[in-house]
Protein backbone atom coordinates (compact mmCIF):
# COMPACT_ATOMS: atom_id res chain seq x y z
CA MET A 1 32.79 -3.91 18.76
CA ILE A 2 29.06 -3.05 19.30
CA PRO A 3 26.95 -4.24 21.93
CA VAL A 4 23.77 -6.19 20.04
CA SER A 5 21.62 -7.31 23.09
CA GLN A 6 19.03 -5.38 24.10
CA ASN A 7 15.79 -6.78 25.47
CA GLN A 8 15.86 -10.09 23.71
CA PRO A 9 17.80 -13.26 23.76
CA LEU A 10 20.02 -13.91 21.16
CA PRO A 11 21.15 -16.48 18.91
CA GLY A 12 23.86 -18.59 19.88
CA TYR A 13 26.63 -17.02 17.71
CA LEU A 14 25.46 -13.51 19.14
CA ASP A 15 26.00 -14.52 22.91
CA CYS A 16 28.46 -11.83 23.26
CA MET A 17 29.82 -8.41 22.04
CA THR A 18 29.78 -8.64 18.59
CA ASN A 19 29.76 -6.41 15.60
CA PRO A 20 26.93 -7.08 13.21
CA ALA A 21 29.26 -6.02 10.18
CA ASP A 22 30.96 -9.52 11.07
CA LEU A 23 27.94 -11.82 10.90
CA PRO A 24 26.77 -13.35 7.78
CA PRO A 25 24.37 -10.88 5.90
CA GLN A 26 21.94 -12.89 4.51
CA GLU A 27 20.76 -13.98 8.09
CA LEU A 28 17.75 -12.70 9.28
CA ASP A 29 19.30 -12.55 12.52
CA THR A 30 21.89 -10.48 11.42
CA LEU A 31 19.19 -7.91 10.43
CA LEU A 32 18.03 -7.98 14.06
CA ALA A 33 21.35 -7.27 15.41
CA ILE A 34 22.20 -4.44 13.17
CA MET A 35 18.41 -2.76 14.43
CA ARG A 36 19.51 -3.44 18.08
CA ALA A 37 22.88 -2.17 17.68
CA LEU A 38 21.31 1.16 15.42
CA ARG A 39 18.96 1.73 18.61
CA ASP A 40 21.39 1.28 21.16
CA ARG A 41 21.03 4.51 23.35
CA ASP A 42 25.10 4.46 24.37
CA ASP A 43 26.74 3.52 20.90
CA GLY A 44 23.72 3.51 18.51
CA CYS A 45 22.86 6.06 15.56
CA PRO A 46 21.35 9.68 16.95
CA TRP A 47 18.96 9.62 14.29
CA ASP A 48 17.46 6.01 14.71
CA ILE A 49 18.02 6.29 18.41
CA GLU A 50 15.28 9.14 18.45
CA GLN A 51 12.48 7.53 16.29
CA THR A 52 8.92 6.40 17.37
CA PHE A 53 6.42 4.42 15.91
CA GLU A 54 4.82 7.59 14.65
CA THR A 55 7.69 9.00 12.98
CA ILE A 56 8.56 5.58 11.23
CA ALA A 57 4.97 4.71 9.82
CA PRO A 58 5.32 7.13 7.01
CA TYR A 59 8.79 5.26 6.17
CA THR A 60 6.71 2.21 6.11
CA ILE A 61 3.94 3.17 4.06
CA GLU A 62 6.37 4.82 1.65
CA GLU A 63 8.54 1.52 1.44
CA ALA A 64 5.31 -0.52 0.62
CA TYR A 65 4.37 1.99 -2.38
CA GLU A 66 7.87 1.49 -3.77
CA VAL A 67 7.22 -2.40 -3.40
CA ALA A 68 4.48 -1.77 -5.54
CA ASP A 69 6.40 0.73 -7.91
CA ALA A 70 9.30 -1.88 -8.74
CA ILE A 71 6.80 -4.77 -9.41
CA ALA A 72 4.59 -2.10 -11.63
CA HIS A 73 8.20 -1.92 -13.49
CA ARG A 74 8.78 -5.51 -13.73
CA ASP A 75 12.26 -4.46 -12.19
CA HIS A 76 12.95 -7.78 -10.31
CA GLY A 77 16.18 -6.36 -8.85
CA ALA A 78 14.45 -3.34 -7.63
CA LEU A 79 11.74 -5.51 -6.32
CA CYS A 80 14.19 -7.49 -4.32
CA GLU A 81 15.92 -4.40 -2.91
CA GLU A 82 12.46 -2.58 -1.99
CA LEU A 83 11.57 -5.86 -0.27
CA GLY A 84 14.51 -5.58 1.96
CA ASP A 85 13.69 -1.91 2.85
CA LEU A 86 10.32 -2.99 3.79
CA LEU A 87 11.37 -5.95 6.06
CA LEU A 88 13.56 -3.56 7.43
CA GLN A 89 10.33 -1.44 8.69
CA VAL A 90 8.89 -4.59 10.38
CA VAL A 91 12.09 -5.14 12.11
CA TYR A 92 12.33 -1.66 13.11
CA HIS A 93 8.79 -1.54 14.49
CA ALA A 94 9.55 -4.80 16.38
CA GLN A 95 12.63 -3.62 18.02
CA MET A 96 10.93 -0.01 19.43
CA ALA A 97 8.23 -2.78 20.69
CA ALA A 98 10.95 -5.04 22.38
CA GLU A 99 12.55 -1.81 24.23
CA ILE A 100 9.14 -1.35 25.97
CA ASP A 101 8.26 -5.13 26.75
CA ALA A 102 5.28 -4.71 24.48
CA PHE A 103 6.35 -7.43 22.18
CA ALA A 104 9.29 -8.67 20.06
CA PHE A 105 9.94 -9.95 16.37
CA ASP A 106 9.68 -13.64 17.43
CA ASP A 107 5.94 -12.55 18.41
CA VAL A 108 5.54 -10.74 14.92
CA VAL A 109 6.42 -13.93 13.28
CA ASN A 110 4.46 -16.43 15.65
CA ALA A 111 1.37 -14.26 15.04
CA ILE A 112 1.43 -14.23 11.31
CA SER A 113 2.38 -18.03 10.95
CA THR A 114 -0.39 -18.91 13.48
CA LYS A 115 -3.12 -16.73 11.51
CA MET A 116 -2.06 -18.16 8.18
CA ILE A 117 -2.27 -21.72 9.62
CA ARG A 118 -5.63 -20.99 10.88
CA ARG A 119 -7.04 -19.37 7.59
CA HIS A 120 -5.95 -21.96 5.61
CA PRO A 121 -7.40 -25.38 6.87
CA HIS A 122 -7.45 -26.42 3.54
CA VAL A 123 -3.77 -26.60 3.21
CA PHE A 124 -2.97 -27.34 6.44
CA GLY A 125 -6.02 -29.30 8.17
CA ASP A 126 -6.44 -32.72 8.66
CA ASP A 127 -7.60 -35.16 5.78
CA ALA A 128 -11.35 -33.78 5.77
CA GLN A 129 -10.46 -30.32 5.65
CA ARG A 130 -7.96 -30.60 3.14
CA ALA A 131 -10.87 -32.56 1.36
CA ASN A 132 -13.12 -29.26 1.39
CA LYS A 133 -11.85 -26.68 -1.33
CA PRO A 134 -12.66 -23.33 -0.03
CA THR A 135 -15.86 -21.46 -1.23
CA LYS A 136 -16.09 -17.73 -2.38
CA GLY A 137 -15.97 -15.56 0.53
CA PHE A 138 -14.29 -18.29 2.63
CA TRP A 139 -11.16 -15.81 3.40
CA GLU A 140 -13.24 -13.21 4.74
CA ARG A 141 -15.75 -15.96 6.79
CA GLU A 142 -12.50 -16.98 8.41
CA LYS A 143 -11.58 -13.32 9.23
CA ALA A 144 -15.11 -12.68 10.59
CA LYS A 145 -14.75 -15.54 12.96
CA GLU A 146 -11.94 -13.97 14.65
CA ARG A 147 -13.89 -10.79 15.18
CA ALA A 148 -16.17 -10.05 17.82
CA GLY A 149 -19.93 -10.82 16.65
CA ASP A 150 -20.99 -7.25 17.38
CA ALA A 151 -18.06 -5.78 15.46
CA PRO A 152 -18.98 -2.93 13.06
CA VAL A 153 -19.30 -3.93 9.36
CA LEU A 154 -17.11 -1.40 8.36
CA SER A 155 -14.46 -1.88 11.38
CA ASN A 156 -10.79 -2.67 10.63
CA VAL A 157 -10.52 -0.83 6.93
CA PRO A 158 -7.40 1.04 8.05
CA VAL A 159 -7.72 4.73 7.54
CA ALA A 160 -4.07 5.08 6.66
CA LEU A 161 -4.86 3.36 3.58
CA PRO A 162 -4.99 5.48 0.07
CA GLY A 163 -8.38 7.27 -0.42
CA LEU A 164 -9.41 5.11 -3.09
CA THR A 165 -8.36 2.08 -2.02
CA ARG A 166 -9.91 2.39 1.24
CA ALA A 167 -12.99 3.78 -0.32
CA ALA A 168 -13.54 0.20 -2.18
CA LYS A 169 -12.80 -1.71 0.64
CA LEU A 170 -15.82 0.01 3.00
CA GLN A 171 -18.19 -0.31 -0.14
CA ALA A 172 -16.90 -3.91 -0.45
CA LYS A 173 -17.86 -4.36 2.97
CA ALA A 174 -21.20 -2.87 3.02
CA ALA A 175 -21.97 -4.77 -0.01
CA ARG A 176 -21.63 -8.22 1.67
CA VAL A 177 -24.74 -7.25 3.97
CA GLY A 178 -26.84 -6.70 0.90
CA PHE A 179 -25.92 -2.42 0.72
CA ASP A 180 -25.04 -1.93 -3.01
CA TRP A 181 -26.30 -1.25 -6.17
CA PRO A 182 -28.09 -4.21 -7.71
CA GLU A 183 -26.60 -3.53 -11.08
CA THR A 184 -23.28 -1.61 -12.53
CA PRO A 185 -25.48 0.63 -14.62
CA ASP A 186 -27.26 2.00 -11.34
CA VAL A 187 -23.70 3.15 -10.51
CA ILE A 188 -23.11 5.14 -13.76
CA ASP A 189 -26.28 6.76 -13.46
CA LYS A 190 -25.06 8.03 -10.05
CA VAL A 191 -21.76 8.92 -11.69
CA SER A 192 -23.55 11.69 -13.84
CA GLU A 193 -25.66 12.68 -10.99
CA GLU A 194 -22.66 13.36 -8.85
CA CYS A 195 -20.82 15.10 -11.91
CA GLN A 196 -23.50 17.25 -11.90
CA GLU A 197 -23.50 18.23 -8.39
CA VAL A 198 -19.90 18.93 -8.85
CA LEU A 199 -20.42 21.71 -11.73
CA GLU A 200 -23.52 23.02 -9.73
CA ALA A 201 -21.49 23.58 -6.70
CA HIS A 202 -18.37 25.15 -8.57
CA ASN A 203 -20.73 27.46 -10.50
CA ALA A 204 -22.11 28.73 -7.31
CA GLY A 205 -18.90 29.47 -6.10
CA ASP A 206 -19.14 27.41 -3.10
CA GLN A 207 -15.46 25.97 -2.70
CA ASP A 208 -16.60 23.62 0.57
CA LYS A 209 -19.26 21.98 -1.08
CA THR A 210 -17.26 21.63 -4.38
CA THR A 211 -14.95 19.97 -2.39
CA GLU A 212 -17.49 17.69 -0.82
CA GLU A 213 -19.01 16.69 -4.01
CA ILE A 214 -15.93 16.14 -5.66
CA GLY A 215 -15.27 13.68 -2.79
CA ASP A 216 -18.47 11.98 -3.24
CA LEU A 217 -17.35 11.57 -7.18
CA LEU A 218 -14.61 9.90 -6.39
CA PHE A 219 -16.05 7.55 -3.89
CA VAL A 220 -18.95 6.65 -6.51
CA LEU A 221 -16.14 6.20 -9.32
CA ALA A 222 -14.44 3.93 -6.53
CA ASN A 223 -17.32 1.72 -6.13
CA PHE A 224 -17.82 1.39 -10.14
CA SER A 225 -14.35 0.09 -10.37
CA ARG A 226 -15.01 -2.16 -7.54
CA LYS A 227 -18.20 -3.50 -9.26
CA CYS A 228 -15.82 -3.80 -12.82
CA GLY A 229 -13.13 -5.88 -10.49
CA VAL A 230 -10.64 -3.23 -11.21
CA ASP A 231 -8.36 -1.98 -8.42
CA PRO A 232 -9.15 2.04 -8.62
CA GLU A 233 -5.73 2.79 -6.95
CA ALA A 234 -3.89 0.46 -9.72
CA ALA A 235 -6.07 2.23 -12.45
CA LEU A 236 -5.59 5.91 -11.13
CA ARG A 237 -1.33 5.02 -11.19
CA GLY A 238 -1.59 3.67 -14.49
CA ALA A 239 -3.34 7.07 -15.61
CA ASN A 240 -0.61 8.86 -14.28
CA ALA A 241 1.61 6.81 -15.68
CA LYS A 242 0.16 7.21 -19.03
CA PHE A 243 0.18 11.00 -18.38
CA GLU A 244 3.71 11.29 -17.51
CA ARG A 245 4.77 9.29 -20.63
CA ARG A 246 2.57 11.29 -22.96
CA PHE A 247 3.60 14.57 -21.54
CA GLY A 248 7.10 13.50 -21.74
CA HIS A 249 6.71 12.88 -25.48
CA VAL A 250 5.62 16.66 -25.59
CA GLU A 251 8.52 18.04 -23.80
CA ALA A 252 10.70 15.78 -25.70
CA THR A 253 9.89 16.69 -29.11
CA LEU A 254 9.90 20.45 -28.23
CA ARG A 255 13.02 19.94 -26.54
CA SER A 256 14.53 18.36 -30.01
CA ALA A 257 13.23 21.82 -31.67
CA GLY A 258 15.21 23.83 -29.17
CA ARG A 259 11.90 24.99 -27.31
CA SER A 260 9.72 24.36 -23.80
CA PRO A 261 6.14 24.09 -23.01
CA GLN A 262 6.16 27.76 -21.79
CA GLU A 263 7.06 28.95 -25.45
CA THR A 264 4.48 26.73 -27.05
CA SER A 265 0.54 27.51 -27.53
CA LEU A 266 -1.56 24.91 -25.80
CA GLU A 267 -3.00 23.80 -29.25
CA GLU A 268 0.48 22.99 -30.41
CA MET A 269 0.96 20.63 -27.16
CA ASP A 270 -2.77 18.96 -27.94
CA ALA A 271 -1.37 17.95 -31.05
CA LEU A 272 2.13 16.42 -29.75
CA TRP A 273 -0.29 14.42 -27.00
CA ASP A 274 -2.39 13.53 -29.98
CA GLU A 275 0.71 12.16 -31.68
CA ALA A 276 2.03 10.58 -28.53
CA LYS A 277 -1.45 8.72 -28.19
CA GLU A 278 -1.08 7.48 -31.56
CA MET A 279 2.45 6.29 -31.07
CA GLU A 280 1.36 3.81 -28.27
CA ARG A 281 -1.56 2.72 -30.41
CA GLY A 282 1.05 1.99 -33.03
CA THR A 283 -0.94 3.56 -35.56
């Protein structure tokens, strides 16, 4: 039997030494018990015991991406599994926090429940509040009320976000206080300008400057995406998937002829690439 009590009160049916494998697998309390058992200093898993917030954080990010991937592939079975993996990350962090008396899983649930109710008075408020439908920017205004009045405009944009996503969020925050190009064509002009600066830096053989200018170009492209109402990260994921799909056609066609890309000229591979494009267009 594995002890599951560790720094947190247990529900009624876990008031003794209980093996989590004997508990109903669909219950959240079972998952919490599993994590307590894995982290138990005497009988737990050596790998799980040695983990910290810092070592688990990359897995948390990875699991979020795998959820997004399952959604992109419209794979509901995979989505169910990946959501479970993501939930495990929340349980993992909450258990480690409980072990140092920082907070417990119940505190996590309490915080998000309280926040969602507070930010949706038009759903959970009194009759007068429910009668007022939210206007554009309502969510951001509610979030702003919770922050200090003198907080920097660009605060609370997580550094760990993907670069393009973070760029768009930073730009959106600046735009709310009027720091934005008035018209979308203005951004296109800036894209052209940044492309020229990338080329000049590259031709000069300045690697550091080239890196900086490419960053500026990507930043402006993220802004253009935002102005168009497009998620730049999602757009890039789509382009990645398209590249994989079309290059896969190139490889498959060559393989069927007993050849490999290494044995093929660029011109022939380009022709097969164009063939893949035409096939996707149905022409």
